[in-house]
Each structure stands twice: as structure tokens, then as C-alpha cells.
N, C-alpha and C. Protein backbone atom coordinates (compact mmCIF):
# COMPACT_ATOMS: atom_id res chain seq x y z
N UNK A 1 62.84 54.13 -65.13
CA UNK A 1 63.12 52.73 -64.86
C UNK A 1 64.42 52.61 -64.08
N UNK A 2 64.41 51.74 -63.06
CA UNK A 2 65.62 51.51 -62.25
C UNK A 2 66.59 50.61 -63.02
N UNK A 3 67.85 51.05 -63.08
CA UNK A 3 68.87 50.26 -63.75
C UNK A 3 69.96 49.91 -62.74
N UNK A 4 70.25 48.64 -62.62
CA UNK A 4 71.30 48.16 -61.72
C UNK A 4 72.35 47.43 -62.56
N UNK A 5 73.60 47.84 -62.40
CA UNK A 5 74.70 47.22 -63.15
C UNK A 5 75.65 46.56 -62.16
N UNK A 6 76.15 45.40 -62.55
CA UNK A 6 77.12 44.66 -61.73
C UNK A 6 78.44 44.56 -62.49
N UNK A 7 79.52 45.00 -61.84
CA UNK A 7 80.85 44.95 -62.44
C UNK A 7 81.69 43.91 -61.71
N UNK A 8 82.28 43.00 -62.49
CA UNK A 8 83.09 41.93 -61.91
C UNK A 8 84.54 42.39 -61.79
N UNK A 9 85.05 42.43 -60.56
CA UNK A 9 86.46 42.74 -60.35
C UNK A 9 87.31 41.48 -60.35
N UNK A 10 86.64 40.35 -60.44
CA UNK A 10 87.31 39.05 -60.40
C UNK A 10 86.59 38.15 -61.41
N UNK A 11 87.32 37.50 -62.33
CA UNK A 11 86.65 36.62 -63.31
C UNK A 11 85.82 35.54 -62.63
N UNK A 12 86.24 35.14 -61.42
CA UNK A 12 85.51 34.13 -60.66
C UNK A 12 84.78 34.77 -59.48
N UNK A 13 84.06 35.83 -59.77
CA UNK A 13 83.33 36.54 -58.73
C UNK A 13 82.17 35.69 -58.21
N UNK A 14 81.51 36.19 -57.18
CA UNK A 14 80.30 35.54 -56.71
C UNK A 14 79.29 35.44 -57.85
N UNK A 15 78.45 34.43 -57.77
CA UNK A 15 77.46 34.15 -58.81
C UNK A 15 76.19 34.94 -58.52
N UNK A 16 75.66 35.61 -59.54
CA UNK A 16 74.38 36.32 -59.43
C UNK A 16 73.35 35.57 -60.28
N UNK A 17 72.24 35.20 -59.65
CA UNK A 17 71.18 34.51 -60.38
C UNK A 17 69.81 34.98 -59.89
N UNK A 18 68.80 34.95 -60.75
CA UNK A 18 67.44 35.20 -60.26
C UNK A 18 67.07 34.15 -59.22
N UNK A 19 66.32 34.56 -58.22
CA UNK A 19 65.89 33.60 -57.20
C UNK A 19 64.95 32.57 -57.80
N UNK A 20 65.14 31.33 -57.42
CA UNK A 20 64.28 30.25 -57.88
C UNK A 20 63.02 30.18 -57.02
N UNK A 21 61.94 29.74 -57.62
CA UNK A 21 60.72 29.52 -56.86
C UNK A 21 60.83 28.30 -55.96
N UNK A 22 61.77 27.40 -56.27
CA UNK A 22 61.86 26.12 -55.58
C UNK A 22 62.58 26.23 -54.23
N UNK A 23 62.08 25.45 -53.26
CA UNK A 23 62.72 25.28 -51.96
C UNK A 23 62.60 23.81 -51.58
N UNK A 24 63.67 23.25 -51.02
CA UNK A 24 63.64 21.82 -50.66
C UNK A 24 62.50 21.51 -49.69
N UNK A 25 62.32 22.37 -48.68
CA UNK A 25 61.28 22.09 -47.70
C UNK A 25 59.88 22.16 -48.32
N UNK A 26 59.72 22.99 -49.35
CA UNK A 26 58.43 23.06 -50.05
C UNK A 26 58.21 21.81 -50.89
N UNK A 27 59.29 21.29 -51.48
CA UNK A 27 59.18 20.04 -52.23
C UNK A 27 58.72 18.90 -51.33
N UNK A 28 59.10 18.97 -50.04
CA UNK A 28 58.82 17.88 -49.10
C UNK A 28 57.46 17.99 -48.41
N UNK A 29 56.68 19.03 -48.71
CA UNK A 29 55.33 19.10 -48.17
C UNK A 29 54.44 18.14 -48.95
N UNK A 30 53.37 17.62 -48.31
CA UNK A 30 52.49 16.66 -49.01
C UNK A 30 51.99 17.21 -50.34
N UNK A 31 52.24 16.44 -51.39
CA UNK A 31 51.85 16.84 -52.75
C UNK A 31 52.43 18.19 -53.15
N UNK A 32 53.57 18.57 -52.50
CA UNK A 32 54.24 19.85 -52.77
C UNK A 32 53.25 21.02 -52.63
N UNK A 33 52.37 20.88 -51.64
CA UNK A 33 51.26 21.83 -51.51
C UNK A 33 51.73 23.24 -51.16
N UNK A 34 52.91 23.39 -50.56
CA UNK A 34 53.39 24.72 -50.20
C UNK A 34 53.46 25.65 -51.41
N UNK A 35 53.64 25.08 -52.59
CA UNK A 35 53.72 25.91 -53.80
C UNK A 35 52.36 26.52 -54.18
N UNK A 36 51.30 26.06 -53.55
CA UNK A 36 49.98 26.63 -53.81
C UNK A 36 49.76 27.93 -53.05
N UNK A 37 50.71 28.26 -52.15
CA UNK A 37 50.59 29.50 -51.38
C UNK A 37 51.20 30.64 -52.20
N UNK A 38 50.33 31.44 -52.80
CA UNK A 38 50.79 32.49 -53.71
C UNK A 38 51.70 33.52 -53.03
N UNK A 39 51.40 34.00 -51.82
CA UNK A 39 52.30 34.97 -51.18
C UNK A 39 53.71 34.43 -50.96
N UNK A 40 53.81 33.15 -50.60
CA UNK A 40 55.13 32.56 -50.35
C UNK A 40 55.90 32.37 -51.65
N UNK A 41 55.25 31.80 -52.66
CA UNK A 41 55.95 31.55 -53.92
C UNK A 41 56.34 32.86 -54.61
N UNK A 42 55.53 33.89 -54.46
CA UNK A 42 55.89 35.19 -55.02
C UNK A 42 57.12 35.76 -54.31
N UNK A 43 57.14 35.68 -52.98
CA UNK A 43 58.29 36.17 -52.22
C UNK A 43 59.56 35.41 -52.60
N UNK A 44 59.43 34.13 -52.90
CA UNK A 44 60.60 33.31 -53.25
C UNK A 44 61.39 33.88 -54.42
N UNK A 45 60.74 34.59 -55.31
CA UNK A 45 61.38 35.00 -56.56
C UNK A 45 61.72 36.48 -56.63
N UNK A 46 61.56 37.21 -55.52
CA UNK A 46 61.84 38.64 -55.53
C UNK A 46 63.34 38.89 -55.33
N UNK A 47 63.98 39.55 -56.30
CA UNK A 47 65.39 39.88 -56.18
C UNK A 47 66.29 38.86 -56.87
N UNK A 48 67.58 38.97 -56.55
CA UNK A 48 68.60 38.08 -57.10
C UNK A 48 69.38 37.46 -55.95
N UNK A 49 69.90 36.28 -56.19
CA UNK A 49 70.67 35.59 -55.17
C UNK A 49 72.16 35.70 -55.45
N UNK A 50 72.95 35.76 -54.38
CA UNK A 50 74.41 35.74 -54.47
C UNK A 50 74.91 34.43 -53.90
N UNK A 51 75.86 33.81 -54.59
CA UNK A 51 76.40 32.53 -54.14
C UNK A 51 77.88 32.46 -54.45
N UNK A 52 78.60 31.73 -53.62
CA UNK A 52 80.03 31.54 -53.83
C UNK A 52 80.27 30.54 -54.97
N UNK A 53 81.32 30.74 -55.77
CA UNK A 53 81.62 29.78 -56.82
C UNK A 53 82.33 28.52 -56.31
N UNK A 54 82.79 28.55 -55.04
CA UNK A 54 83.47 27.40 -54.46
C UNK A 54 82.93 27.14 -53.06
N UNK A 55 83.23 25.95 -52.52
CA UNK A 55 82.86 25.65 -51.14
C UNK A 55 83.67 26.52 -50.18
N UNK A 56 83.02 27.04 -49.15
CA UNK A 56 83.70 27.79 -48.10
C UNK A 56 83.40 27.09 -46.78
N UNK A 57 84.47 26.74 -46.04
CA UNK A 57 84.31 26.03 -44.77
C UNK A 57 84.93 26.85 -43.65
N UNK A 58 84.27 26.83 -42.49
CA UNK A 58 84.78 27.58 -41.35
C UNK A 58 84.22 26.99 -40.06
N UNK A 59 84.80 27.40 -38.95
CA UNK A 59 84.34 26.95 -37.64
C UNK A 59 84.49 28.10 -36.65
N UNK A 60 83.48 28.28 -35.81
CA UNK A 60 83.46 29.35 -34.80
C UNK A 60 83.61 28.72 -33.42
N UNK A 61 84.47 29.31 -32.58
CA UNK A 61 84.75 28.71 -31.27
C UNK A 61 83.76 29.10 -30.17
N UNK A 62 82.76 29.89 -30.53
CA UNK A 62 81.74 30.24 -29.55
C UNK A 62 81.96 31.57 -28.85
N UNK A 63 83.12 32.18 -29.06
CA UNK A 63 83.41 33.47 -28.42
C UNK A 63 82.98 34.59 -29.35
N UNK A 64 82.30 35.58 -28.78
CA UNK A 64 81.81 36.71 -29.57
C UNK A 64 82.49 37.99 -29.08
N UNK A 65 83.56 38.40 -29.77
CA UNK A 65 84.25 39.63 -29.41
C UNK A 65 84.78 40.29 -30.68
N UNK A 66 85.61 41.30 -30.53
CA UNK A 66 86.06 42.09 -31.69
C UNK A 66 87.27 41.48 -32.41
N UNK A 67 87.82 40.41 -31.90
CA UNK A 67 89.01 39.83 -32.51
C UNK A 67 88.61 38.93 -33.69
N UNK A 68 89.50 38.77 -34.66
CA UNK A 68 89.18 37.96 -35.83
C UNK A 68 89.46 36.47 -35.63
N UNK A 69 90.02 36.10 -34.49
CA UNK A 69 90.51 34.73 -34.32
C UNK A 69 89.45 33.75 -33.82
N UNK A 70 88.25 34.24 -33.54
CA UNK A 70 87.23 33.34 -33.01
C UNK A 70 86.61 32.47 -34.10
N UNK A 71 86.78 32.89 -35.36
CA UNK A 71 86.33 32.07 -36.49
C UNK A 71 87.54 31.69 -37.32
N UNK A 72 87.65 30.42 -37.63
CA UNK A 72 88.77 29.92 -38.45
C UNK A 72 88.24 29.51 -39.82
N UNK A 73 88.81 30.10 -40.86
CA UNK A 73 88.45 29.72 -42.22
C UNK A 73 89.23 28.46 -42.59
N UNK A 74 88.55 27.40 -42.90
CA UNK A 74 89.19 26.12 -43.20
C UNK A 74 89.46 25.97 -44.70
N UNK A 75 88.60 26.51 -45.52
CA UNK A 75 88.83 26.51 -46.97
C UNK A 75 88.04 27.65 -47.59
N UNK A 76 88.51 28.13 -48.74
CA UNK A 76 87.87 29.24 -49.41
C UNK A 76 88.37 30.59 -48.93
N UNK A 77 89.62 30.63 -48.47
CA UNK A 77 90.16 31.89 -47.93
C UNK A 77 90.26 32.99 -48.98
N UNK A 78 90.25 32.63 -50.24
CA UNK A 78 90.31 33.66 -51.28
C UNK A 78 88.99 34.43 -51.38
N UNK A 79 87.94 33.90 -50.73
CA UNK A 79 86.64 34.56 -50.75
C UNK A 79 86.14 34.98 -49.38
N UNK A 80 86.77 34.51 -48.31
CA UNK A 80 86.23 34.76 -46.97
C UNK A 80 87.31 35.24 -46.02
N UNK A 81 86.92 36.11 -45.08
CA UNK A 81 87.85 36.57 -44.05
C UNK A 81 87.06 36.92 -42.79
N UNK A 82 87.77 37.07 -41.67
CA UNK A 82 87.12 37.22 -40.37
C UNK A 82 87.48 38.54 -39.69
N UNK A 83 87.95 39.52 -40.45
CA UNK A 83 88.48 40.76 -39.88
C UNK A 83 87.47 41.60 -39.12
N UNK A 84 86.19 41.40 -39.35
CA UNK A 84 85.19 42.21 -38.65
C UNK A 84 84.93 41.73 -37.23
N UNK A 85 85.38 40.52 -36.88
CA UNK A 85 85.12 39.99 -35.55
C UNK A 85 83.65 39.72 -35.33
N UNK A 86 83.24 39.69 -34.05
CA UNK A 86 81.84 39.50 -33.67
C UNK A 86 81.24 38.23 -34.26
N UNK A 87 82.03 37.16 -34.30
CA UNK A 87 81.59 35.85 -34.80
C UNK A 87 81.03 35.92 -36.21
N UNK A 88 81.64 36.78 -37.05
CA UNK A 88 81.17 36.93 -38.42
C UNK A 88 82.20 36.41 -39.43
N UNK A 89 81.70 36.07 -40.60
CA UNK A 89 82.53 35.75 -41.75
C UNK A 89 82.12 36.71 -42.86
N UNK A 90 83.09 37.44 -43.38
CA UNK A 90 82.83 38.39 -44.48
C UNK A 90 83.29 37.77 -45.79
N UNK A 91 82.69 38.23 -46.88
CA UNK A 91 82.99 37.65 -48.18
C UNK A 91 83.47 38.71 -49.16
N UNK A 92 84.45 38.33 -49.95
CA UNK A 92 84.92 39.17 -51.05
C UNK A 92 84.18 38.71 -52.31
N UNK A 93 83.13 39.43 -52.64
CA UNK A 93 82.23 38.99 -53.70
C UNK A 93 82.80 39.22 -55.10
N UNK A 94 83.75 40.15 -55.23
CA UNK A 94 84.25 40.49 -56.55
C UNK A 94 83.22 41.20 -57.39
N UNK A 95 82.27 41.89 -56.73
CA UNK A 95 81.18 42.56 -57.45
C UNK A 95 81.01 43.98 -56.95
N UNK A 96 81.00 44.93 -57.89
CA UNK A 96 80.66 46.32 -57.60
C UNK A 96 79.34 46.63 -58.30
N UNK A 97 78.38 47.15 -57.55
CA UNK A 97 77.07 47.46 -58.13
C UNK A 97 76.93 48.96 -58.31
N UNK A 98 76.37 49.35 -59.44
CA UNK A 98 76.10 50.76 -59.72
C UNK A 98 74.67 50.90 -60.21
N UNK A 99 74.04 52.00 -59.82
CA UNK A 99 72.65 52.23 -60.21
C UNK A 99 72.44 53.70 -60.50
N UNK A 100 71.27 54.01 -61.04
CA UNK A 100 70.95 55.41 -61.26
C UNK A 100 70.61 56.08 -59.93
N UNK A 101 70.35 57.36 -59.96
CA UNK A 101 70.20 58.16 -58.75
C UNK A 101 69.06 57.65 -57.85
N UNK A 102 69.31 57.75 -56.55
CA UNK A 102 68.32 57.43 -55.52
C UNK A 102 67.94 55.95 -55.45
N UNK A 103 68.84 55.08 -55.91
CA UNK A 103 68.61 53.65 -55.78
C UNK A 103 69.65 53.06 -54.83
N UNK A 104 69.16 52.24 -53.90
CA UNK A 104 70.03 51.54 -52.96
C UNK A 104 69.83 50.04 -53.12
N UNK A 105 70.79 49.28 -52.60
CA UNK A 105 70.72 47.83 -52.71
C UNK A 105 70.51 47.25 -51.31
N UNK A 106 69.35 46.62 -51.11
CA UNK A 106 69.02 45.96 -49.86
C UNK A 106 69.51 44.53 -49.92
N UNK A 107 70.31 44.13 -48.93
CA UNK A 107 70.80 42.76 -48.83
C UNK A 107 70.15 42.09 -47.65
N UNK A 108 69.50 40.94 -47.89
CA UNK A 108 68.78 40.24 -46.83
C UNK A 108 69.00 38.73 -46.95
N UNK A 109 68.51 38.01 -45.95
CA UNK A 109 68.50 36.55 -45.99
C UNK A 109 67.67 36.09 -47.18
N UNK A 110 68.14 35.10 -47.95
CA UNK A 110 67.33 34.61 -49.06
C UNK A 110 65.96 34.15 -48.57
N UNK A 111 64.91 34.63 -49.21
CA UNK A 111 63.56 34.40 -48.74
C UNK A 111 63.23 32.91 -48.68
N UNK A 112 62.75 32.49 -47.52
CA UNK A 112 62.27 31.13 -47.28
C UNK A 112 63.35 30.06 -47.46
N UNK A 113 64.62 30.49 -47.30
CA UNK A 113 65.70 29.55 -47.03
C UNK A 113 65.98 29.66 -45.53
N UNK A 114 66.09 28.53 -44.85
CA UNK A 114 66.26 28.55 -43.40
C UNK A 114 67.56 27.82 -43.05
N UNK A 115 68.54 28.59 -42.59
CA UNK A 115 69.85 28.04 -42.28
C UNK A 115 70.07 28.02 -40.76
N UNK A 116 70.37 26.87 -40.21
CA UNK A 116 70.55 26.73 -38.78
C UNK A 116 71.91 27.25 -38.32
N UNK A 117 72.92 27.18 -39.19
CA UNK A 117 74.30 27.45 -38.77
C UNK A 117 74.70 28.91 -38.83
N UNK A 118 74.05 29.70 -39.68
CA UNK A 118 74.45 31.10 -39.84
C UNK A 118 73.26 31.91 -40.35
N UNK A 119 73.44 33.22 -40.29
CA UNK A 119 72.41 34.13 -40.78
C UNK A 119 73.07 35.32 -41.46
N UNK A 120 72.52 35.73 -42.61
CA UNK A 120 73.09 36.87 -43.32
C UNK A 120 72.86 38.15 -42.52
N UNK A 121 73.81 39.05 -42.56
CA UNK A 121 73.65 40.36 -41.93
C UNK A 121 73.04 41.31 -42.96
N UNK A 122 71.87 41.82 -42.66
CA UNK A 122 71.18 42.71 -43.59
C UNK A 122 71.92 44.04 -43.70
N UNK A 123 71.86 44.63 -44.88
CA UNK A 123 72.50 45.93 -45.09
C UNK A 123 71.82 46.67 -46.23
N UNK A 124 72.04 47.99 -46.25
CA UNK A 124 71.57 48.82 -47.36
C UNK A 124 72.74 49.68 -47.83
N UNK A 125 73.08 49.57 -49.10
CA UNK A 125 74.18 50.33 -49.70
C UNK A 125 73.62 51.22 -50.81
N UNK A 126 73.98 52.49 -50.79
CA UNK A 126 73.53 53.42 -51.83
C UNK A 126 74.40 53.22 -53.08
N UNK A 127 73.93 52.37 -53.95
CA UNK A 127 74.72 52.00 -55.14
C UNK A 127 74.81 53.12 -56.16
N UNK A 128 74.07 54.21 -55.96
CA UNK A 128 74.18 55.33 -56.89
C UNK A 128 75.50 56.08 -56.71
N UNK A 129 76.17 55.88 -55.56
CA UNK A 129 77.48 56.54 -55.40
C UNK A 129 78.52 55.69 -54.68
N UNK A 130 78.14 54.54 -54.10
CA UNK A 130 79.12 53.69 -53.38
C UNK A 130 80.04 53.01 -54.39
N UNK A 131 81.37 53.23 -54.32
CA UNK A 131 82.26 52.78 -55.39
C UNK A 131 82.94 51.44 -55.15
N UNK A 132 82.71 50.82 -54.00
CA UNK A 132 83.47 49.63 -53.62
C UNK A 132 82.66 48.35 -53.80
N UNK A 133 83.34 47.21 -53.60
CA UNK A 133 82.66 45.93 -53.69
C UNK A 133 81.54 45.85 -52.65
N UNK A 134 80.50 45.11 -52.99
CA UNK A 134 79.39 44.94 -52.08
C UNK A 134 79.86 44.28 -50.79
N UNK A 135 79.65 44.92 -49.64
CA UNK A 135 80.00 44.27 -48.37
C UNK A 135 78.97 43.20 -48.04
N UNK A 136 79.45 42.02 -47.73
CA UNK A 136 78.57 40.89 -47.47
C UNK A 136 79.14 40.08 -46.32
N UNK A 137 78.32 39.80 -45.31
CA UNK A 137 78.80 39.06 -44.15
C UNK A 137 77.69 38.21 -43.56
N UNK A 138 78.09 37.12 -42.91
CA UNK A 138 77.16 36.29 -42.16
C UNK A 138 77.58 36.26 -40.70
N UNK A 139 76.65 35.97 -39.82
CA UNK A 139 76.94 35.81 -38.40
C UNK A 139 76.73 34.35 -38.03
N UNK A 140 77.76 33.76 -37.41
CA UNK A 140 77.69 32.35 -37.03
C UNK A 140 76.70 32.16 -35.89
N UNK A 141 76.01 31.04 -35.90
CA UNK A 141 75.01 30.77 -34.88
C UNK A 141 75.34 29.53 -34.05
N UNK A 142 76.06 28.59 -34.64
CA UNK A 142 76.35 27.33 -33.95
C UNK A 142 77.85 27.22 -33.69
N UNK A 143 78.29 27.16 -32.42
CA UNK A 143 79.73 27.09 -32.11
C UNK A 143 80.28 25.67 -32.25
N UNK A 144 81.58 25.62 -32.49
CA UNK A 144 82.34 24.37 -32.48
C UNK A 144 81.78 23.33 -33.45
N UNK A 145 81.33 23.82 -34.59
CA UNK A 145 80.82 22.94 -35.63
C UNK A 145 81.39 23.39 -36.96
N UNK A 146 81.94 22.45 -37.73
CA UNK A 146 82.45 22.79 -39.05
C UNK A 146 81.27 23.08 -39.97
N UNK A 147 81.24 24.30 -40.49
CA UNK A 147 80.13 24.74 -41.32
C UNK A 147 80.61 24.88 -42.76
N UNK A 148 79.84 24.38 -43.68
CA UNK A 148 80.17 24.46 -45.10
C UNK A 148 79.10 25.23 -45.86
N UNK A 149 79.52 26.27 -46.55
CA UNK A 149 78.65 26.94 -47.51
C UNK A 149 79.04 26.40 -48.88
N UNK A 150 78.18 25.61 -49.46
CA UNK A 150 78.51 24.93 -50.71
C UNK A 150 78.47 25.89 -51.89
N UNK A 151 79.27 25.58 -52.89
CA UNK A 151 79.27 26.37 -54.12
C UNK A 151 77.86 26.42 -54.69
N UNK A 152 77.42 27.62 -55.06
CA UNK A 152 76.09 27.78 -55.64
C UNK A 152 74.97 27.91 -54.64
N UNK A 153 75.28 27.75 -53.35
CA UNK A 153 74.25 27.85 -52.30
C UNK A 153 73.88 29.31 -52.09
N UNK A 154 72.61 29.67 -52.15
CA UNK A 154 72.22 31.07 -51.95
C UNK A 154 72.65 31.59 -50.57
N UNK A 155 73.49 32.61 -50.55
CA UNK A 155 73.92 33.21 -49.29
C UNK A 155 73.08 34.43 -48.96
N UNK A 156 72.78 35.22 -49.99
CA UNK A 156 72.06 36.47 -49.75
C UNK A 156 71.15 36.78 -50.93
N UNK A 157 70.14 37.59 -50.65
CA UNK A 157 69.28 38.15 -51.69
C UNK A 157 69.56 39.65 -51.78
N UNK A 158 69.67 40.17 -53.00
CA UNK A 158 69.83 41.60 -53.20
C UNK A 158 68.60 42.13 -53.94
N UNK A 159 68.08 43.28 -53.45
CA UNK A 159 66.87 43.88 -54.01
C UNK A 159 67.08 45.38 -54.14
N UNK A 160 67.00 45.95 -55.34
CA UNK A 160 67.09 47.41 -55.49
C UNK A 160 65.87 48.08 -54.89
N UNK A 161 66.09 49.13 -54.09
CA UNK A 161 64.98 49.88 -53.48
C UNK A 161 65.28 51.37 -53.57
N UNK A 162 64.27 52.17 -53.34
CA UNK A 162 64.44 53.61 -53.27
C UNK A 162 64.16 54.08 -51.85
N UNK A 163 65.18 54.52 -51.15
CA UNK A 163 65.00 55.04 -49.80
C UNK A 163 64.18 56.32 -49.83
N UNK A 164 64.32 57.08 -50.91
CA UNK A 164 63.55 58.32 -51.04
C UNK A 164 62.06 58.03 -51.05
N UNK A 165 61.66 57.03 -51.84
CA UNK A 165 60.24 56.68 -51.90
C UNK A 165 59.75 56.10 -50.58
N UNK A 166 60.60 55.32 -49.91
CA UNK A 166 60.20 54.75 -48.63
C UNK A 166 59.97 55.83 -47.58
N UNK A 167 60.81 56.87 -47.60
CA UNK A 167 60.66 57.95 -46.64
C UNK A 167 59.38 58.74 -46.84
N UNK A 168 58.85 58.70 -48.06
CA UNK A 168 57.63 59.44 -48.35
C UNK A 168 56.37 58.63 -48.02
N UNK A 169 56.57 57.39 -47.61
CA UNK A 169 55.43 56.55 -47.26
C UNK A 169 55.20 56.57 -45.76
N UNK A 170 53.96 56.29 -45.36
CA UNK A 170 53.65 56.19 -43.94
C UNK A 170 52.51 55.19 -43.76
N UNK A 171 52.35 54.76 -42.53
CA UNK A 171 51.29 53.80 -42.20
C UNK A 171 50.28 54.48 -41.28
N UNK A 172 49.03 54.41 -41.66
CA UNK A 172 47.96 54.90 -40.81
C UNK A 172 47.32 53.71 -40.09
N UNK A 173 47.25 53.79 -38.77
CA UNK A 173 46.65 52.72 -37.98
C UNK A 173 45.24 53.13 -37.57
N UNK A 174 44.27 52.32 -37.97
CA UNK A 174 42.87 52.62 -37.71
C UNK A 174 42.18 51.41 -37.11
N UNK A 175 41.08 51.62 -36.46
CA UNK A 175 40.26 50.53 -35.94
C UNK A 175 39.42 49.95 -37.07
N UNK A 176 39.50 48.62 -37.21
CA UNK A 176 38.71 47.95 -38.25
C UNK A 176 37.27 47.84 -37.79
N UNK A 177 36.33 48.10 -38.67
CA UNK A 177 34.92 47.99 -38.36
C UNK A 177 34.39 46.65 -38.87
N UNK A 178 34.01 45.79 -37.94
CA UNK A 178 33.49 44.48 -38.31
C UNK A 178 32.00 44.61 -38.65
N UNK A 179 31.71 44.41 -39.92
CA UNK A 179 30.31 44.43 -40.35
C UNK A 179 29.74 43.01 -40.29
N UNK A 180 28.43 42.91 -40.28
CA UNK A 180 27.80 41.59 -40.24
C UNK A 180 28.13 40.80 -41.50
N UNK A 181 28.19 41.48 -42.62
CA UNK A 181 28.51 40.81 -43.88
C UNK A 181 29.94 40.25 -43.85
N UNK A 182 30.89 41.04 -43.34
CA UNK A 182 32.28 40.59 -43.27
C UNK A 182 32.40 39.38 -42.36
N UNK A 183 31.78 39.46 -41.18
CA UNK A 183 31.87 38.37 -40.21
C UNK A 183 31.27 37.09 -40.77
N UNK A 184 30.16 37.19 -41.49
CA UNK A 184 29.52 36.02 -42.06
C UNK A 184 30.38 35.39 -43.14
N UNK A 185 31.02 36.22 -43.96
CA UNK A 185 31.90 35.68 -45.00
C UNK A 185 33.10 34.96 -44.38
N UNK A 186 33.66 35.52 -43.31
CA UNK A 186 34.79 34.89 -42.64
C UNK A 186 34.38 33.55 -42.04
N UNK A 187 33.20 33.50 -41.44
CA UNK A 187 32.71 32.25 -40.85
C UNK A 187 32.46 31.20 -41.92
N UNK A 188 31.86 31.63 -43.04
CA UNK A 188 31.60 30.69 -44.13
C UNK A 188 32.90 30.13 -44.70
N UNK A 189 33.88 30.99 -44.83
CA UNK A 189 35.20 30.58 -45.33
C UNK A 189 35.81 29.55 -44.41
N UNK A 190 35.80 29.86 -43.10
CA UNK A 190 36.40 28.95 -42.12
C UNK A 190 35.69 27.61 -42.06
N UNK A 191 34.37 27.64 -42.10
CA UNK A 191 33.60 26.39 -42.06
C UNK A 191 33.89 25.53 -43.27
N UNK A 192 33.93 26.13 -44.46
CA UNK A 192 34.20 25.37 -45.69
C UNK A 192 35.61 24.79 -45.67
N UNK A 193 36.56 25.57 -45.17
CA UNK A 193 37.94 25.08 -45.10
C UNK A 193 38.06 23.89 -44.16
N UNK A 194 37.37 23.95 -43.02
CA UNK A 194 37.41 22.85 -42.07
C UNK A 194 36.87 21.56 -42.67
N UNK A 195 35.80 21.67 -43.43
CA UNK A 195 35.21 20.50 -44.05
C UNK A 195 36.21 19.83 -45.00
N UNK A 196 36.88 20.64 -45.80
CA UNK A 196 37.85 20.10 -46.76
C UNK A 196 39.06 19.54 -46.04
N UNK A 197 39.59 20.30 -45.05
CA UNK A 197 40.80 19.86 -44.36
C UNK A 197 40.60 18.56 -43.59
N UNK A 198 39.40 18.35 -43.05
CA UNK A 198 39.13 17.13 -42.28
C UNK A 198 39.14 15.89 -43.16
N UNK A 199 39.00 16.06 -44.46
CA UNK A 199 39.06 14.90 -45.37
C UNK A 199 40.51 14.56 -45.71
N UNK A 200 41.44 15.39 -45.25
CA UNK A 200 42.85 15.17 -45.57
C UNK A 200 43.27 15.85 -46.84
N UNK A 201 42.34 16.59 -47.47
CA UNK A 201 42.67 17.31 -48.69
C UNK A 201 43.10 18.74 -48.34
N UNK A 202 43.40 19.53 -49.39
CA UNK A 202 43.80 20.92 -49.21
C UNK A 202 42.80 21.82 -49.90
N UNK A 203 42.64 23.02 -49.39
CA UNK A 203 41.66 23.92 -49.94
C UNK A 203 42.09 24.57 -51.25
N UNK A 204 43.41 24.71 -51.43
CA UNK A 204 43.95 25.44 -52.59
C UNK A 204 43.50 26.90 -52.58
N UNK A 205 43.22 27.43 -51.39
CA UNK A 205 42.84 28.83 -51.27
C UNK A 205 44.03 29.67 -50.85
């Protein structure tokens, strides 16, 4: 069994929570129908989310170079800095992760959260031996706009993975053989869905 431990170097470290199934844009679909999509709702809950305990505000001047001065931190400097340059904001999470052998921590954009102003920088850290705080950074997308990351807002998703197991996997690409039975089932499915959708209802399929 994979074991992941989180050590707080700061009493007010970043917040770790299981990902919620809920998304505002899904709530706003007719009759909240987006929640009927099993692949999407399942993806929503994979991993844990990281969030700042306070509001962090910053503004990027539109220049993308190696200097730290292109992004100005307006508030939350105890958690954010711009030393990496390249229009990025890095975060001091106050969290060190440790795991058993051959486990790494994949950091990605929170699933099915869509942020116009910034994007998380994906990374993989081998938590079985990496001794430092989790490196976490975003890349600014909109220049000359004051951007606020609100307290509790999901910034990143963390997922334990095994790079060893991934390296042992491969994909075989083959030509699919369309049988008459398969084609007929697909046509029947499509025809039935069209009938339901034209009434303004949903298929729930």
C-alpha cells in the first residue's frame, strides 16, 4: 500500500483537502446535468487539493524574462515570491511530503477548474527521498491585471504515482475492426440519443 505523509513546517501551512466533486460551472448547467457524466465527476475527486490559507494578490506587467521584477506581489508575501522569473509566482507551502519507496508526487492543475488568469506548472517530485518543501508555482496568463487567489481556492492537485510502474507500461496501437454488430449498436445509440435530446431532455447515458 502506498503511504504518503505530509509534514507541516509552518502552523499555517497550505491547506490539504480531498478534492470536491462540486464545480461552479457544473452547478450552472441545466438541472446540474454535468454531474451525470461519470468520467468527469470521477476525475473531479482524484487526489488532494492544495490551497493558500490567506488571499494572495499579484500583478504581472506582461514581460516574460528571467528577472523577478515582472510580477509584483501585492499581498500574501509570506506565502508567495517571484524569484524564478518567467512570469511565475512560486509558493511557500510549508509542507514536506514523504512516501515509501518508488512513489512520486504529481502536481497538476485541479481537475475541471478553469482559471483564466493563471495556470499551475505541473511537476513530479520523488517524495521517497526529496527532503524539501513541495515546490509549487503558477504561470501568469493575463498581463496588467490584479489577480487574487482567494484563501481556500484550489491552486493545485497532488496525486501519488509510481514512475517505476509507468515505465513498465506501454501502448499498442492497432487498427480497429468495425463489425456489422458494432456499427448497428452505435447507430441505434445515436438515433435514440437524438430522439431524447430533441425533446430538450437529457439521455443520462
